Amino acid sequence: MALLTPLLAFLYHLPQVYKWLLKPYYVASLFMSIAFLMIRKTPGICEHLSTQREDGNPCDFDWREVEILMFLSAIVMMKNRRAITVEQHVGNIILFSKVANVILFFRLDIRMGLLYLTLCIVFLMTCKPPLYMGPEYIKYFNDKTIDDELERDNRVTWIVEFFANWSPECQSFAAVYADLSLKYNCAGLKFGKVDVGRYGEVSKKYKVSTSPLSKQLPSLVLFQGGKEVMRRPQVDKKFRAVSWSFTEENIIREFNLNELYQKSKKLNKTKGDGGDKINESQFPTVLEEEEPEPEVDTKEETETKKDK
């Protein structure tokens, strides 16, 4: 059963995996990931390679190469235990496959190792993973708009993601966050994002470190009435993020989204047919003071005033 569950999950997401792999970034990454395999197994090329096999066959892996591949496979399995999306699984496989290729090429020939390492660096600097471009109900803030939006209406609860485009974790989380916004966005519960990698002042004000060592990206912060109520991941005394998995289930549970959504939906009724009418029942009723009745002089009082 433990093996059947991930297999079924993979088959369910298989069409999506094919869609990703057809993108130029993943096509190039795939070829770079199997570069050593192709060179070692391709007839006409492998005959010119050195080998430590006892039978002297240069077109097959020797025992040390198999050992390196098995070790890095174990690392991939450990890393993928904390992966959230299929995209993260594929990314981990590609990343550690490239690491294995660097080690294997340097062991085979230092010139081939330097060439492959140079190609990896050029690829890293020039090619970026494709960003999520699917449907979402998310408002993007900048350094000038975030404060105004959070304080505009005290009845609105905001969940804001602090992210950076260069962060692989943020890129992987984008689809999960977009899916949550589609399910839970309403008049009283809204979702926002701000790029702290671009707006450093926002990073300082809301105390979200952009350092890769701090592991604070992405950070989800819940605002009510313009004030922070909670955030994940939490930060310890050394300003490092406490380990936390950004799965959809964890976010729904920790932020109590189901209850927030039910309460926030009521704000829809206060806005009528798209207007901005305020529901007076949400505020304490103010009793109007009764105006005093004008004094009317009686006949006896009038005559008394004349005698005086």
C-alpha atoms as a PDB file:
ATOM      1  CA  MET A   1       0.000   0.000   0.000  1.00  0.00           C
ATOM      2  CA  ALA A   2       2.903   2.344   0.773  1.00  0.00           C
ATOM      3  CA  LEU A   3       4.196   1.848  -2.787  1.00  0.00           C
ATOM      4  CA  LEU A   4       0.755   1.850  -4.396  1.00  0.00           C
ATOM      5  CA  THR A   5      -0.255   5.317  -3.143  1.00  0.00           C
ATOM      6  CA  PRO A   6       2.637   7.289  -4.735  1.00  0.00           C
ATOM      7  CA  LEU A   7       2.274   5.217  -7.919  1.00  0.00           C
ATOM      8  CA  LEU A   8      -1.424   6.102  -8.228  1.00  0.00           C
ATOM      9  CA  ALA A   9      -0.646   9.755  -7.474  1.00  0.00           C
ATOM     10  CA  PHE A  10       1.989   9.745 -10.234  1.00  0.00           C
ATOM     11  CA  LEU A  11      -0.401   8.185 -12.746  1.00  0.00           C
ATOM     12  CA  TYR A  12      -3.085  10.737 -11.811  1.00  0.00           C
ATOM     13  CA  HIS A  13      -0.708  13.620 -12.507  1.00  0.00           C
ATOM     14  CA  LEU A  14       0.917  11.969 -15.550  1.00  0.00           C
ATOM     15  CA  PRO A  15      -0.774  14.256 -18.142  1.00  0.00           C
ATOM     16  CA  GLN A  16       0.429  17.273 -16.170  1.00  0.00           C
ATOM     17  CA  VAL A  17       3.967  15.809 -16.018  1.00  0.00           C
ATOM     18  CA  TYR A  18       4.000  15.374 -19.800  1.00  0.00           C
ATOM     19  CA  LYS A  19       2.843  18.965 -20.184  1.00  0.00           C
ATOM     20  CA  TRP A  20       5.725  20.208 -18.041  1.00  0.00           C
ATOM     21  CA  LEU A  21       8.335  18.013 -19.723  1.00  0.00           C
ATOM     22  CA  LEU A  22       7.432  19.413 -23.143  1.00  0.00           C
ATOM     23  CA  LYS A  23       8.513  22.896 -22.067  1.00  0.00           C
ATOM     24  CA  PRO A  24      12.006  23.931 -23.326  1.00  0.00           C
ATOM     25  CA  TYR A  25      13.407  24.283 -19.801  1.00  0.00           C
ATOM     26  CA  TYR A  26      12.537  20.702 -18.861  1.00  0.00           C
ATOM     27  CA  VAL A  27      13.530  19.288 -22.259  1.00  0.00           C
ATOM     28  CA  ALA A  28      17.025  20.793 -21.899  1.00  0.00           C
ATOM     29  CA  SER A  29      17.221  19.703 -18.241  1.00  0.00           C
ATOM     30  CA  LEU A  30      16.250  16.155 -19.173  1.00  0.00           C
ATOM     31  CA  PHE A  31      19.044  15.859 -21.738  1.00  0.00           C
ATOM     32  CA  MET A  32      21.569  17.282 -19.284  1.00  0.00           C
ATOM     33  CA  SER A  33      20.383  14.832 -16.625  1.00  0.00           C
ATOM     34  CA  ILE A  34      21.060  11.775 -18.795  1.00  0.00           C
ATOM     35  CA  ALA A  35      24.193  13.145 -20.504  1.00  0.00           C
ATOM     36  CA  PHE A  36      26.611  10.686 -18.855  1.00  0.00           C
ATOM     37  CA  LEU A  37      24.261   7.768 -19.514  1.00  0.00           C
ATOM     38  CA  MET A  38      24.083   8.636 -23.227  1.00  0.00           C
ATOM     39  CA  ILE A  39      27.860   8.991 -23.558  1.00  0.00           C
ATOM     40  CA  ARG A  40      28.581   5.775 -21.641  1.00  0.00           C
ATOM     41  CA  LYS A  41      26.025   3.733 -23.616  1.00  0.00           C
ATOM     42  CA  THR A  42      26.267   5.227 -27.138  1.00  0.00           C
ATOM     43  CA  PRO A  43      28.200   2.945 -29.565  1.00  0.00           C
ATOM     44  CA  GLY A  44      31.029   4.713 -31.346  1.00  0.00           C
ATOM     45  CA  ILE A  45      31.591   7.033 -28.357  1.00  0.00           C
ATOM     46  CA  CYS A  46      31.795   4.714 -25.365  1.00  0.00           C
ATOM     47  CA  GLU A  47      34.657   2.718 -26.953  1.00  0.00           C
ATOM     48  CA  HIS A  48      36.943   5.724 -26.464  1.00  0.00           C
ATOM     49  CA  LEU A  49      36.183   6.091 -22.745  1.00  0.00           C
ATOM     50  CA  SER A  50      38.268   4.711 -19.908  1.00  0.00           C
ATOM     51  CA  THR A  51      36.838   2.110 -17.532  1.00  0.00           C
ATOM     52  CA  GLN A  52      37.742   0.230 -14.345  1.00  0.00           C
ATOM     53  CA  ARG A  53      35.689  -2.840 -15.139  1.00  0.00           C
ATOM     54  CA  GLU A  54      37.497  -6.163 -14.873  1.00  0.00           C
ATOM     55  CA  ASP A  55      36.205  -7.257 -18.276  1.00  0.00           C
ATOM     56  CA  GLY A  56      37.409  -3.994 -19.827  1.00  0.00           C
ATOM     57  CA  ASN A  57      33.981  -3.172 -21.321  1.00  0.00           C
ATOM     58  CA  PRO A  58      33.928   0.663 -21.645  1.00  0.00           C
ATOM     59  CA  CYS A  59      30.226   0.730 -22.639  1.00  0.00           C
ATOM     60  CA  ASP A  60      28.919  -0.293 -19.219  1.00  0.00           C
ATOM     61  CA  PHE A  61      29.061   1.223 -15.725  1.00  0.00           C
ATOM     62  CA  ASP A  62      31.865   0.143 -13.404  1.00  0.00           C
ATOM     63  CA  TRP A  63      31.250  -0.612  -9.720  1.00  0.00           C
ATOM     64  CA  ARG A  64      32.209   2.918  -8.555  1.00  0.00           C
ATOM     65  CA  GLU A  65      29.796   4.597 -10.976  1.00  0.00           C
ATOM     66  CA  VAL A  66      26.981   2.311  -9.837  1.00  0.00           C
ATOM     67  CA  GLU A  67      27.811   3.178  -6.225  1.00  0.00           C
ATOM     68  CA  ILE A  68      27.610   6.931  -6.946  1.00  0.00           C
ATOM     69  CA  LEU A  69      24.287   6.551  -8.762  1.00  0.00           C
ATOM     70  CA  MET A  70      22.774   4.458  -5.947  1.00  0.00           C
ATOM     71  CA  PHE A  71      23.910   6.949  -3.299  1.00  0.00           C
ATOM     72  CA  LEU A  72      22.407   9.936  -5.099  1.00  0.00           C
ATOM     73  CA  SER A  73      19.208   7.954  -5.758  1.00  0.00           C
ATOM     74  CA  ALA A  74      18.840   7.493  -2.011  1.00  0.00           C
ATOM     75  CA  ILE A  75      19.277  11.261  -1.494  1.00  0.00           C
ATOM     76  CA  VAL A  76      16.561  11.957  -4.096  1.00  0.00           C
ATOM     77  CA  MET A  77      14.169   9.615  -2.296  1.00  0.00           C
ATOM     78  CA  MET A  78      14.842  11.379   1.020  1.00  0.00           C
ATOM     79  CA  LYS A  79      14.336  14.835  -0.508  1.00  0.00           C
ATOM     80  CA  ASN A  80      11.146  13.812  -2.269  1.00  0.00           C
ATOM     81  CA  ARG A  81       9.573  12.755   1.021  1.00  0.00           C
ATOM     82  CA  ARG A  82       9.099  16.468   1.769  1.00  0.00           C
ATOM     83  CA  ALA A  83       8.137  17.441  -1.775  1.00  0.00           C
ATOM     84  CA  ILE A  84       4.651  18.945  -2.112  1.00  0.00           C
ATOM     85  CA  THR A  85       3.901  18.900  -5.822  1.00  0.00           C
ATOM     86  CA  VAL A  86       4.806  16.695  -8.767  1.00  0.00           C
ATOM     87  CA  GLU A  87       6.829  19.620 -10.068  1.00  0.00           C
ATOM     88  CA  GLN A  88       9.002  19.473  -6.945  1.00  0.00           C
ATOM     89  CA  HIS A  89       9.529  15.732  -7.398  1.00  0.00           C
ATOM     90  CA  VAL A  90      10.647  16.261 -11.003  1.00  0.00           C
ATOM     91  CA  GLY A  91      12.850  19.210  -9.968  1.00  0.00           C
ATOM     92  CA  ASN A  92      14.636  17.159  -7.298  1.00  0.00           C
ATOM     93  CA  ILE A  93      15.301  14.322  -9.741  1.00  0.00           C
ATOM     94  CA  ILE A  94      16.730  16.735 -12.320  1.00  0.00           C
ATOM     95  CA  LEU A  95      18.858  18.610  -9.768  1.00  0.00           C
ATOM     96  CA  PHE A  96      20.542  15.551  -8.247  1.00  0.00           C
ATOM     97  CA  SER A  97      20.920  13.909 -11.646  1.00  0.00           C
ATOM     98  CA  LYS A  98      23.008  16.907 -12.700  1.00  0.00           C
ATOM     99  CA  VAL A  99      25.064  16.606  -9.511  1.00  0.00           C
ATOM    100  CA  ALA A 100      25.679  12.941 -10.302  1.00  0.00           C
ATOM    101  CA  ASN A 101      26.701  13.832 -13.852  1.00  0.00           C
ATOM    102  CA  VAL A 102      29.239  16.396 -12.608  1.00  0.00           C
ATOM    103  CA  ILE A 103      30.854  13.818 -10.292  1.00  0.00           C
ATOM    104  CA  LEU A 104      30.866  11.081 -12.934  1.00  0.00           C
ATOM    105  CA  PHE A 105      32.289  13.309 -15.680  1.00  0.00           C
ATOM    106  CA  PHE A 106      35.087  14.613 -13.420  1.00  0.00           C
ATOM    107  CA  ARG A 107      35.923  11.052 -12.436  1.00  0.00           C
ATOM    108  CA  LEU A 108      35.981   9.978 -16.089  1.00  0.00           C
ATOM    109  CA  ASP A 109      37.959  12.942 -17.486  1.00  0.00           C
ATOM    110  CA  ILE A 110      38.641  16.294 -15.848  1.00  0.00           C
ATOM    111  CA  ARG A 111      38.201  18.063 -19.194  1.00  0.00           C
ATOM    112  CA  MET A 112      34.749  16.554 -19.676  1.00  0.00           C
ATOM    113  CA  GLY A 113      33.904  17.449 -16.085  1.00  0.00           C
ATOM    114  CA  LEU A 114      34.882  21.101 -16.591  1.00  0.00           C
ATOM    115  CA  LEU A 115      32.916  21.255 -19.843  1.00  0.00           C
ATOM    116  CA  TYR A 116      29.775  19.811 -18.258  1.00  0.00           C
ATOM    117  CA  LEU A 117      30.074  22.044 -15.195  1.00  0.00           C
ATOM    118  CA  THR A 118      30.403  25.106 -17.452  1.00  0.00           C
ATOM    119  CA  LEU A 119      27.265  24.084 -19.342  1.00  0.00           C
ATOM    120  CA  CYS A 120      25.379  23.715 -16.052  1.00  0.00           C
ATOM    121  CA  ILE A 121      26.434  27.178 -14.879  1.00  0.00           C
ATOM    122  CA  VAL A 122      25.449  28.783 -18.198  1.00  0.00           C
ATOM    123  CA  PHE A 123      22.113  26.959 -18.139  1.00  0.00           C
ATOM    124  CA  LEU A 124      21.457  28.078 -14.548  1.00  0.00           C
ATOM    125  CA  MET A 125      22.181  31.727 -15.378  1.00  0.00           C
ATOM    126  CA  THR A 126      20.254  31.906 -18.649  1.00  0.00           C
ATOM    127  CA  CYS A 127      17.294  29.548 -18.158  1.00  0.00           C
ATOM    128  CA  LYS A 128      14.691  29.835 -15.434  1.00  0.00           C
ATOM    129  CA  PRO A 129      11.942  27.348 -14.577  1.00  0.00           C
ATOM    130  CA  PRO A 130       8.592  28.325 -16.121  1.00  0.00           C
ATOM    131  CA  LEU A 131       6.425  30.327 -13.728  1.00  0.00           C
ATOM    132  CA  TYR A 132       2.890  29.282 -12.845  1.00  0.00           C
ATOM    133  CA  MET A 133       0.464  30.878 -15.311  1.00  0.00           C
ATOM    134  CA  GLY A 134      -2.791  29.188 -14.322  1.00  0.00           C
ATOM    135  CA  PRO A 135      -6.028  30.681 -12.919  1.00  0.00           C
ATOM    136  CA  GLU A 136      -5.920  32.421  -9.545  1.00  0.00           C
ATOM    137  CA  TYR A 137      -7.723  34.992  -7.391  1.00  0.00           C
ATOM    138  CA  ILE A 138      -4.631  36.752  -6.062  1.00  0.00           C
ATOM    139  CA  LYS A 139      -3.831  40.461  -5.781  1.00  0.00           C
ATOM    140  CA  TYR A 140      -0.188  41.394  -6.318  1.00  0.00           C
ATOM    141  CA  PHE A 141       1.163  44.128  -4.046  1.00  0.00           C
ATOM    142  CA  ASN A 142       4.160  46.407  -4.302  1.00  0.00           C
ATOM    143  CA  ASP A 143       5.904  48.533  -1.686  1.00  0.00           C
ATOM    144  CA  LYS A 144       3.379  51.369  -2.135  1.00  0.00           C
ATOM    145  CA  THR A 145       0.098  49.444  -2.189  1.00  0.00           C
ATOM    146  CA  ILE A 146       0.426  46.702   0.428  1.00  0.00           C
ATOM    147  CA  ASP A 147      -0.200  48.893   3.503  1.00  0.00           C
ATOM    148  CA  ASP A 148      -3.182  50.674   1.941  1.00  0.00           C
ATOM    149  CA  GLU A 149      -4.853  47.437   0.867  1.00  0.00           C
ATOM    150  CA  LEU A 150      -4.393  45.716   4.221  1.00  0.00           C
ATOM    151  CA  GLU A 151      -5.884  48.685   6.078  1.00  0.00           C
ATOM    152  CA  ARG A 152      -8.580  49.622   3.565  1.00  0.00           C
ATOM    153  CA  ASP A 153     -11.367  47.538   5.118  1.00  0.00           C
ATOM    154  CA  ASN A 154     -10.989  46.168   8.636  1.00  0.00           C
ATOM    155  CA  ARG A 155     -13.645  43.538   7.946  1.00  0.00           C
ATOM    156  CA  VAL A 156     -11.517  41.850   5.277  1.00  0.00           C
ATOM    157  CA  THR A 157      -9.064  39.102   6.259  1.00  0.00           C
ATOM    158  CA  TRP A 158      -5.954  38.868   4.090  1.00  0.00           C
ATOM    159  CA  ILE A 159      -3.596  35.936   3.580  1.00  0.00           C
ATOM    160  CA  VAL A 160      -0.415  37.284   2.005  1.00  0.00           C
ATOM    161  CA  GLU A 161       2.449  35.264   0.561  1.00  0.00           C
ATOM    162  CA  PHE A 162       5.896  36.853   0.783  1.00  0.00           C
ATOM    163  CA  PHE A 163       7.918  35.313  -2.038  1.00  0.00           C
ATOM    164  CA  ALA A 164      10.870  35.744  -4.397  1.00  0.00           C
ATOM    165  CA  ASN A 165      10.928  34.708  -8.038  1.00  0.00           C
ATOM    166  CA  TRP A 166      14.407  33.190  -7.729  1.00  0.00           C
ATOM    167  CA  SER A 167      13.335  30.804  -4.941  1.00  0.00           C
ATOM    168  CA  PRO A 168      12.586  27.238  -6.142  1.00  0.00           C
ATOM    169  CA  GLU A 169      10.368  26.697  -3.098  1.00  0.00           C
ATOM    170  CA  CYS A 170       8.245  29.733  -4.021  1.00  0.00           C
ATOM    171  CA  GLN A 171       7.966  28.587  -7.611  1.00  0.00           C
ATOM    172  CA  SER A 172       6.769  25.146  -6.518  1.00  0.00           C
ATOM    173  CA  PHE A 173       4.306  26.617  -4.025  1.00  0.00           C
ATOM    174  CA  ALA A 174       2.707  28.951  -6.611  1.00  0.00           C
ATOM    175  CA  ALA A 175       0.269  26.329  -7.933  1.00  0.00           C
ATOM    176  CA  VAL A 176      -0.798  25.286  -4.404  1.00  0.00           C
ATOM    177  CA  TYR A 177      -1.422  28.889  -3.350  1.00  0.00           C
ATOM    178  CA  ALA A 178      -3.357  29.634  -6.543  1.00  0.00           C
ATOM    179  CA  ASP A 179      -5.570  26.592  -5.953  1.00  0.00           C
ATOM    180  CA  LEU A 180      -6.326  27.773  -2.400  1.00  0.00           C
ATOM    181  CA  SER A 181      -7.280  31.208  -3.697  1.00  0.00           C
ATOM    182  CA  LEU A 182      -9.732  29.643  -6.161  1.00  0.00           C
ATOM    183  CA  LYS A 183     -11.389  27.629  -3.383  1.00  0.00           C
ATOM    184  CA  TYR A 184     -11.502  30.153  -0.537  1.00  0.00           C
ATOM    185  CA  ASN A 185     -11.457  33.655  -2.029  1.00  0.00           C
ATOM    186  CA  CYS A 186     -14.555  35.698  -1.149  1.00  0.00           C
ATOM    187  CA  ALA A 187     -15.517  39.243  -0.180  1.00  0.00           C
ATOM    188  CA  GLY A 188     -14.248  38.854   3.390  1.00  0.00           C
ATOM    189  CA  LEU A 189     -11.249  36.598   2.728  1.00  0.00           C
ATOM    190  CA  LYS A 190      -8.697  37.618   0.128  1.00  0.00           C
ATOM    191  CA  PHE A 191      -5.318  36.389  -1.046  1.00  0.00           C
ATOM    192  CA  GLY A 192      -2.306  38.531  -1.904  1.00  0.00           C
ATOM    193  CA  LYS A 193       1.343  38.212  -2.891  1.00  0.00           C
ATOM    194  CA  VAL A 194       4.332  40.529  -2.647  1.00  0.00           C
ATOM    195  CA  ASP A 195       7.799  39.971  -4.109  1.00  0.00           C
ATOM    196  CA  VAL A 196      10.187  40.673  -1.218  1.00  0.00           C
ATOM    197  CA  GLY A 197      13.103  39.823  -3.494  1.00  0.00           C
ATOM    198  CA  ARG A 198      12.196  42.944  -5.438  1.00  0.00           C
ATOM    199  CA  TYR A 199      10.872  45.181  -2.646  1.00  0.00           C
ATOM    200  CA  GLY A 200      13.478  45.136   0.095  1.00  0.00           C
ATOM    201  CA  GLU A 201      11.631  47.686   2.237  1.00  0.00           C
ATOM    202  CA  VAL A 202       8.635  45.350   2.491  1.00  0.00           C
ATOM    203  CA  SER A 203      10.964  42.541   3.537  1.00  0.00           C
ATOM    204  CA  LYS A 204      12.376  44.650   6.388  1.00  0.00           C
ATOM    205  CA  LYS A 205       9.039  46.033   7.557  1.00  0.00           C
ATOM    206  CA  TYR A 206       7.324  42.643   7.772  1.00  0.00           C
ATOM    207  CA  LYS A 207      10.482  40.875   8.995  1.00  0.00           C
ATOM    208  CA  VAL A 208      10.770  38.306   6.213  1.00  0.00           C
ATOM    209  CA  SER A 209      14.383  37.460   5.483  1.00  0.00           C
ATOM    210  CA  THR A 210      15.300  36.831   1.850  1.00  0.00           C
ATOM    211  CA  SER A 211      18.486  34.977   2.748  1.00  0.00           C
ATOM    212  CA  PRO A 212      18.478  31.375   1.464  1.00  0.00           C
ATOM    213  CA  LEU A 213      19.998  30.287   4.792  1.00  0.00           C
ATOM    214  CA  SER A 214      17.020  31.591   6.787  1.00  0.00           C
ATOM    215  CA  LYS A 215      14.573  29.389   4.823  1.00  0.00           C
ATOM    216  CA  GLN A 216      11.776  31.930   5.328  1.00  0.00           C
ATOM    217  CA  LEU A 217      10.636  31.865   1.703  1.00  0.00           C
ATOM    218  CA  PRO A 218       7.836  31.502   1.081  1.00  0.00           C
ATOM    219  CA  SER A 219       6.150  32.970   4.160  1.00  0.00           C
ATOM    220  CA  LEU A 220       2.378  33.078   4.646  1.00  0.00           C
ATOM    221  CA  VAL A 221       1.009  35.791   6.930  1.00  0.00           C
ATOM    222  CA  LEU A 222      -2.601  36.194   8.075  1.00  0.00           C
ATOM    223  CA  PHE A 223      -3.775  39.795   8.540  1.00  0.00           C
ATOM    224  CA  GLN A 224      -7.000  40.842  10.253  1.00  0.00           C
ATOM    225  CA  GLY A 225      -7.862  44.490  10.640  1.00  0.00           C
ATOM    226  CA  GLY A 226      -4.550  45.383   8.994  1.00  0.00           C
ATOM    227  CA  LYS A 227      -2.563  43.626  11.748  1.00  0.00           C
ATOM    228  CA  GLU A 228      -0.597  40.387  11.637  1.00  0.00           C
ATOM    229  CA  VAL A 229      -2.338  37.533  13.450  1.00  0.00           C
ATOM    230  CA  MET A 230      -0.127  34.561  12.561  1.00  0.00           C
ATOM    231  CA  ARG A 231       2.502  33.406  10.090  1.00  0.00           C
ATOM    232  CA  ARG A 232       4.023  30.217   8.765  1.00  0.00           C
ATOM    233  CA  PRO A 233       6.775  29.232   8.970  1.00  0.00           C
ATOM    234  CA  GLN A 234       7.477  30.526  12.436  1.00  0.00           C
ATOM    235  CA  VAL A 235      10.885  32.051  13.152  1.00  0.00           C
ATOM    236  CA  ASP A 236      13.114  31.055  16.076  1.00  0.00           C
ATOM    237  CA  LYS A 237      15.425  33.246  18.155  1.00  0.00           C
ATOM    238  CA  LYS A 238      18.201  32.869  15.578  1.00  0.00           C
ATOM    239  CA  PHE A 239      15.856  34.247  12.880  1.00  0.00           C
ATOM    240  CA  ARG A 240      15.671  30.888  11.157  1.00  0.00           C
ATOM    241  CA  ALA A 241      12.444  29.371   9.981  1.00  0.00           C
ATOM    242  CA  VAL A 242      11.028  26.442  11.913  1.00  0.00           C
ATOM    243  CA  SER A 243      10.588  23.523   9.532  1.00  0.00           C
ATOM    244  CA  TRP A 244       7.054  23.460   8.120  1.00  0.00           C
ATOM    245  CA  SER A 245       5.559  21.763   5.076  1.00  0.00           C
ATOM    246  CA  PHE A 246       3.568  24.011   2.700  1.00  0.00           C
ATOM    247  CA  THR A 247       0.973  21.412   1.759  1.00  0.00           C
ATOM    248  CA  GLU A 248      -2.604  22.405   1.064  1.00  0.00           C
ATOM    249  CA  GLU A 249      -3.810  20.317   4.006  1.00  0.00           C
ATOM    250  CA  ASN A 250      -1.406  21.994   6.448  1.00  0.00           C
ATOM    251  CA  ILE A 251      -2.414  25.484   5.350  1.00  0.00           C
ATOM    252  CA  ILE A 252      -6.141  24.745   5.606  1.00  0.00           C
ATOM    253  CA  ARG A 253      -5.675  23.309   9.096  1.00  0.00           C
ATOM    254  CA  GLU A 254      -3.198  25.860  10.515  1.00  0.00           C
ATOM    255  CA  PHE A 255      -4.996  28.928   9.156  1.00  0.00           C
ATOM    256  CA  ASN A 256      -8.427  27.440   9.866  1.00  0.00           C
ATOM    257  CA  LEU A 257      -9.523  28.334   6.333  1.00  0.00           C
ATOM    258  CA  ASN A 258     -12.823  26.479   6.394  1.00  0.00           C
ATOM    259  CA  GLU A 259     -14.096  28.453   9.377  1.00  0.00           C
ATOM    260  CA  LEU A 260     -12.636  31.705   8.072  1.00  0.00           C
ATOM    261  CA  TYR A 261     -14.349  31.149   4.741  1.00  0.00           C
ATOM    262  CA  GLN A 262     -17.766  30.500   6.299  1.00  0.00           C
ATOM    263  CA  LYS A 263     -17.543  33.665   8.391  1.00  0.00           C
ATOM    264  CA  SER A 264     -16.126  35.769   5.565  1.00  0.00           C
ATOM    265  CA  LYS A 265     -18.846  34.730   3.096  1.00  0.00           C
ATOM    266  CA  LYS A 266     -21.336  36.700   5.150  1.00  0.00           C
ATOM    267  CA  LEU A 267     -19.687  39.872   3.950  1.00  0.00           C
ATOM    268  CA  ASN A 268     -21.031  39.098   0.466  1.00  0.00           C
ATOM    269  CA  LYS A 269     -24.564  39.700   1.700  1.00  0.00           C
ATOM    270  CA  THR A 270     -23.619  43.117   3.048  1.00  0.00           C
ATOM    271  CA  LYS A 271     -22.592  44.337  -0.391  1.00  0.00           C
ATOM    272  CA  GLY A 272     -25.940  43.792  -2.064  1.00  0.00           C
ATOM    273  CA  ASP A 273     -25.797  43.402  -5.803  1.00  0.00           C
ATOM    274  CA  GLY A 274     -22.181  44.391  -6.208  1.00  0.00           C
ATOM    275  CA  GLY A 275     -22.369  47.666  -4.315  1.00  0.00           C
ATOM    276  CA  ASP A 276     -20.435  48.648  -1.232  1.00  0.00           C
ATOM    277  CA  LYS A 277     -23.314  48.936   1.211  1.00  0.00           C
ATOM    278  CA  ILE A 278     -22.395  48.381   4.832  1.00  0.00           C
ATOM    279  CA  ASN A 279     -24.405  45.973   6.905  1.00  0.00           C
ATOM    280  CA  GLU A 280     -25.585  48.014   9.869  1.00  0.00           C
ATOM    281  CA  SER A 281     -26.019  44.861  11.968  1.00  0.00           C
ATOM    282  CA  GLN A 282     -22.224  44.553  12.093  1.00  0.00           C
ATOM    283  CA  PHE A 283     -21.945  47.737  14.081  1.00  0.00           C
ATOM    284  CA  PRO A 284     -23.509  48.747  17.434  1.00  0.00           C
ATOM    285  CA  THR A 285     -26.789  50.559  17.076  1.00  0.00           C
ATOM    286  CA  VAL A 286     -26.606  54.270  17.904  1.00  0.00           C
ATOM    287  CA  LEU A 287     -29.758  55.535  19.613  1.00  0.00           C
ATOM    288  CA  GLU A 288     -30.866  58.940  18.354  1.00  0.00           C
ATOM    289  CA  GLU A 289     -31.498  61.526  21.029  1.00  0.00           C
ATOM    290  CA  GLU A 290     -35.104  62.781  21.181  1.00  0.00           C
ATOM    291  CA  GLU A 291     -35.476  66.502  20.565  1.00  0.00           C
ATOM    292  CA  PRO A 292     -37.080  68.324  23.522  1.00  0.00           C
ATOM    293  CA  GLU A 293     -40.620  69.590  22.851  1.00  0.00           C
ATOM    294  CA  PRO A 294     -40.944  73.397  22.683  1.00  0.00           C
ATOM    295  CA  GLU A 295     -42.366  74.971  25.864  1.00  0.00           C
ATOM    296  CA  VAL A 296     -45.939  76.376  25.515  1.00  0.00           C
ATOM    297  CA  ASP A 297     -46.968  79.149  27.854  1.00  0.00           C
ATOM    298  CA  THR A 298     -50.314  78.564  29.531  1.00  0.00           C
ATOM    299  CA  LYS A 299     -52.912  81.316  29.807  1.00  0.00           C
ATOM    300  CA  GLU A 300     -52.290  81.853  33.535  1.00  0.00           C
ATOM    301  CA  GLU A 301     -48.517  82.165  33.020  1.00  0.00           C
ATOM    302  CA  THR A 302     -49.132  84.777  30.269  1.00  0.00           C
ATOM    303  CA  GLU A 303     -51.320  86.911  32.472  1.00  0.00           C
ATOM    304  CA  THR A 304     -48.816  86.721  35.329  1.00  0.00           C
ATOM    305  CA  LYS A 305     -46.028  87.935  33.025  1.00  0.00           C
ATOM    306  CA  LYS A 306     -48.213  90.929  31.949  1.00  0.00           C
ATOM    307  CA  ASP A 307     -48.973  91.910  35.621  1.00  0.00           C
ATOM    308  CA  LYS A 308     -45.261  91.995  36.280  1.00  0.00           C
END
